[in-house]
N, C-alpha and C. Protein backbone atom coordinates (compact mmCIF):
# COMPACT_ATOMS: atom_id res chain seq x y z
N MET A 1 -13.54 0.45 6.13
CA MET A 1 -13.14 1.40 5.13
C MET A 1 -13.61 0.90 3.77
N ALA A 2 -14.05 1.78 2.93
CA ALA A 2 -14.56 1.40 1.62
C ALA A 2 -13.44 0.84 0.75
N THR A 3 -13.83 -0.01 -0.18
CA THR A 3 -12.85 -0.68 -1.04
C THR A 3 -12.05 0.33 -1.85
N LYS A 4 -12.73 1.32 -2.42
CA LYS A 4 -12.03 2.32 -3.23
C LYS A 4 -11.01 3.10 -2.39
N ALA A 5 -11.37 3.40 -1.16
CA ALA A 5 -10.46 4.13 -0.28
C ALA A 5 -9.24 3.27 0.08
N LYS A 6 -9.47 1.97 0.32
CA LYS A 6 -8.35 1.08 0.65
C LYS A 6 -7.42 0.91 -0.54
N VAL A 7 -7.99 0.82 -1.74
CA VAL A 7 -7.17 0.71 -2.95
C VAL A 7 -6.36 1.99 -3.13
N ALA A 8 -6.99 3.14 -2.94
CA ALA A 8 -6.29 4.42 -3.08
C ALA A 8 -5.18 4.55 -2.04
N LEU A 9 -5.46 4.15 -0.80
CA LEU A 9 -4.44 4.20 0.25
C LEU A 9 -3.26 3.29 -0.09
N GLY A 10 -3.55 2.10 -0.56
CA GLY A 10 -2.48 1.17 -0.95
C GLY A 10 -1.61 1.75 -2.05
N LEU A 11 -2.24 2.36 -3.05
CA LEU A 11 -1.46 2.96 -4.15
C LEU A 11 -0.62 4.14 -3.67
N VAL A 12 -1.19 4.95 -2.77
CA VAL A 12 -0.44 6.09 -2.22
C VAL A 12 0.77 5.60 -1.43
N LEU A 13 0.59 4.56 -0.62
CA LEU A 13 1.71 4.02 0.15
C LEU A 13 2.80 3.46 -0.77
N ILE A 14 2.40 2.79 -1.83
CA ILE A 14 3.38 2.23 -2.77
C ILE A 14 4.17 3.34 -3.45
N VAL A 15 3.48 4.37 -3.92
CA VAL A 15 4.16 5.47 -4.60
C VAL A 15 5.07 6.23 -3.63
N ALA A 16 4.57 6.54 -2.44
CA ALA A 16 5.39 7.26 -1.46
C ALA A 16 6.61 6.44 -1.05
N GLY A 17 6.41 5.15 -0.85
CA GLY A 17 7.53 4.29 -0.49
C GLY A 17 8.56 4.20 -1.60
N ALA A 18 8.09 4.11 -2.83
CA ALA A 18 9.03 4.05 -3.96
C ALA A 18 9.83 5.34 -4.09
N VAL A 19 9.17 6.47 -3.90
CA VAL A 19 9.89 7.76 -3.96
C VAL A 19 10.93 7.84 -2.86
N LEU A 20 10.57 7.44 -1.64
CA LEU A 20 11.54 7.47 -0.54
C LEU A 20 12.70 6.51 -0.81
N ALA A 21 12.38 5.31 -1.27
CA ALA A 21 13.43 4.29 -1.47
C ALA A 21 14.37 4.67 -2.61
N LEU A 22 13.84 5.29 -3.64
CA LEU A 22 14.66 5.59 -4.81
C LEU A 22 15.34 6.96 -4.76
N LEU A 23 14.64 7.97 -4.29
CA LEU A 23 15.17 9.33 -4.37
C LEU A 23 15.76 9.85 -3.07
N PHE A 24 15.27 9.39 -1.93
CA PHE A 24 15.72 9.91 -0.65
C PHE A 24 16.33 8.81 0.21
N ARG A 25 17.14 7.99 -0.40
CA ARG A 25 17.71 6.82 0.26
C ARG A 25 18.54 7.18 1.49
N GLU A 26 19.33 8.23 1.44
CA GLU A 26 20.24 8.56 2.53
C GLU A 26 19.71 9.63 3.48
N ASP A 27 18.59 10.24 3.14
CA ASP A 27 18.03 11.28 4.01
C ASP A 27 17.38 10.65 5.24
N GLU A 28 17.36 11.42 6.33
CA GLU A 28 16.76 10.92 7.58
C GLU A 28 15.48 11.67 7.89
N PHE A 29 14.45 10.92 8.28
CA PHE A 29 13.18 11.46 8.73
C PHE A 29 13.01 11.00 10.17
N LEU A 30 13.12 11.93 11.08
CA LEU A 30 13.19 11.62 12.51
C LEU A 30 14.34 10.65 12.72
N TRP A 31 14.10 9.39 13.09
CA TRP A 31 15.20 8.45 13.26
C TRP A 31 15.20 7.39 12.17
N PHE A 32 14.39 7.58 11.11
CA PHE A 32 14.34 6.63 10.00
C PHE A 32 15.12 7.14 8.81
N ARG A 33 15.80 6.25 8.13
CA ARG A 33 16.44 6.60 6.86
C ARG A 33 15.45 6.35 5.74
N GLY A 34 15.54 7.12 4.67
CA GLY A 34 14.56 7.06 3.59
C GLY A 34 14.46 5.72 2.89
N GLY A 35 15.60 5.07 2.64
CA GLY A 35 15.59 3.80 1.91
C GLY A 35 14.81 2.70 2.61
N PRO A 36 15.18 2.34 3.82
CA PRO A 36 14.44 1.28 4.53
C PRO A 36 12.98 1.65 4.82
N LEU A 37 12.74 2.90 5.15
CA LEU A 37 11.36 3.34 5.39
C LEU A 37 10.54 3.22 4.11
N GLY A 38 11.14 3.55 2.97
CA GLY A 38 10.45 3.42 1.70
C GLY A 38 10.11 1.97 1.38
N VAL A 39 11.03 1.07 1.66
CA VAL A 39 10.77 -0.35 1.41
C VAL A 39 9.63 -0.85 2.29
N VAL A 40 9.62 -0.44 3.55
CA VAL A 40 8.54 -0.85 4.45
C VAL A 40 7.21 -0.30 3.97
N LEU A 41 7.18 0.95 3.51
CA LEU A 41 5.94 1.53 3.01
C LEU A 41 5.44 0.80 1.77
N VAL A 42 6.34 0.41 0.89
CA VAL A 42 5.94 -0.33 -0.31
C VAL A 42 5.34 -1.67 0.09
N VAL A 43 5.97 -2.37 1.01
CA VAL A 43 5.45 -3.68 1.44
C VAL A 43 4.08 -3.52 2.08
N VAL A 44 3.91 -2.54 2.96
CA VAL A 44 2.62 -2.31 3.60
C VAL A 44 1.57 -1.93 2.55
N GLY A 45 1.95 -1.12 1.58
CA GLY A 45 1.02 -0.74 0.52
C GLY A 45 0.58 -1.92 -0.33
N VAL A 46 1.52 -2.81 -0.66
CA VAL A 46 1.17 -3.99 -1.44
C VAL A 46 0.24 -4.90 -0.64
N LEU A 47 0.51 -5.08 0.64
CA LEU A 47 -0.36 -5.90 1.47
C LEU A 47 -1.75 -5.29 1.59
N ASP A 48 -1.83 -3.99 1.78
CA ASP A 48 -3.11 -3.31 1.90
C ASP A 48 -3.89 -3.40 0.59
N LEU A 49 -3.22 -3.18 -0.52
CA LEU A 49 -3.86 -3.28 -1.83
C LEU A 49 -4.34 -4.71 -2.09
N GLY A 50 -3.51 -5.68 -1.78
CA GLY A 50 -3.89 -7.08 -1.96
C GLY A 50 -5.10 -7.45 -1.12
N GLU A 51 -5.13 -6.99 0.13
CA GLU A 51 -6.27 -7.29 1.01
C GLU A 51 -7.54 -6.66 0.46
N ALA A 52 -7.46 -5.42 0.00
CA ALA A 52 -8.65 -4.75 -0.52
C ALA A 52 -9.18 -5.47 -1.76
N LEU A 53 -8.30 -5.87 -2.64
CA LEU A 53 -8.73 -6.57 -3.85
C LEU A 53 -9.24 -7.96 -3.53
N TRP A 54 -8.64 -8.62 -2.57
CA TRP A 54 -9.08 -9.95 -2.15
C TRP A 54 -10.51 -9.89 -1.60
N ARG A 55 -10.76 -8.91 -0.72
CA ARG A 55 -12.10 -8.77 -0.14
C ARG A 55 -13.12 -8.37 -1.20
N ALA A 56 -12.74 -7.51 -2.13
CA ALA A 56 -13.67 -7.11 -3.19
C ALA A 56 -14.01 -8.31 -4.07
N ARG A 57 -13.03 -9.13 -4.33
CA ARG A 57 -13.26 -10.33 -5.15
C ARG A 57 -14.18 -11.30 -4.42
N GLY A 58 -13.97 -11.47 -3.12
CA GLY A 58 -14.82 -12.35 -2.33
C GLY A 58 -16.25 -11.85 -2.26
N ARG A 59 -16.41 -10.53 -2.13
CA ARG A 59 -17.74 -9.95 -2.08
C ARG A 59 -18.46 -10.12 -3.42
N ALA A 60 -17.72 -10.00 -4.53
CA ALA A 60 -18.31 -10.16 -5.85
C ALA A 60 -18.78 -11.60 -6.05
N GLU A 61 -18.03 -12.58 -5.54
CA GLU A 61 -18.42 -13.98 -5.67
C GLU A 61 -19.67 -14.26 -4.85
N VAL A 62 -19.78 -13.69 -3.67
CA VAL A 62 -20.97 -13.88 -2.84
C VAL A 62 -22.20 -13.29 -3.52
N GLU A 63 -22.06 -12.10 -4.11
CA GLU A 63 -23.18 -11.47 -4.79
C GLU A 63 -23.61 -12.26 -6.01
N ARG A 64 -22.66 -12.90 -6.69
CA ARG A 64 -22.97 -13.68 -7.88
C ARG A 64 -23.78 -14.93 -7.51
N ARG A 65 -23.51 -15.51 -6.35
CA ARG A 65 -24.21 -16.71 -5.91
C ARG A 65 -25.66 -16.42 -5.56
N GLU A 66 -25.92 -15.23 -5.06
CA GLU A 66 -27.27 -14.91 -4.59
C GLU A 66 -28.19 -14.53 -5.70
């Protein structure tokens, strides 16, 4: 997946998770409650965003060496 797409996906997950965790804490989606599901989405989004930025930084260092 392209770096820009991974960054965008990470940001979308963080925003969606924050909205679920803050605004829909007690609502249920299938068998998930909004609060815990929101926290999990935020964590996954931060990890995805961190991985995308880490790989982009590594790629930039390799290009600089060549």
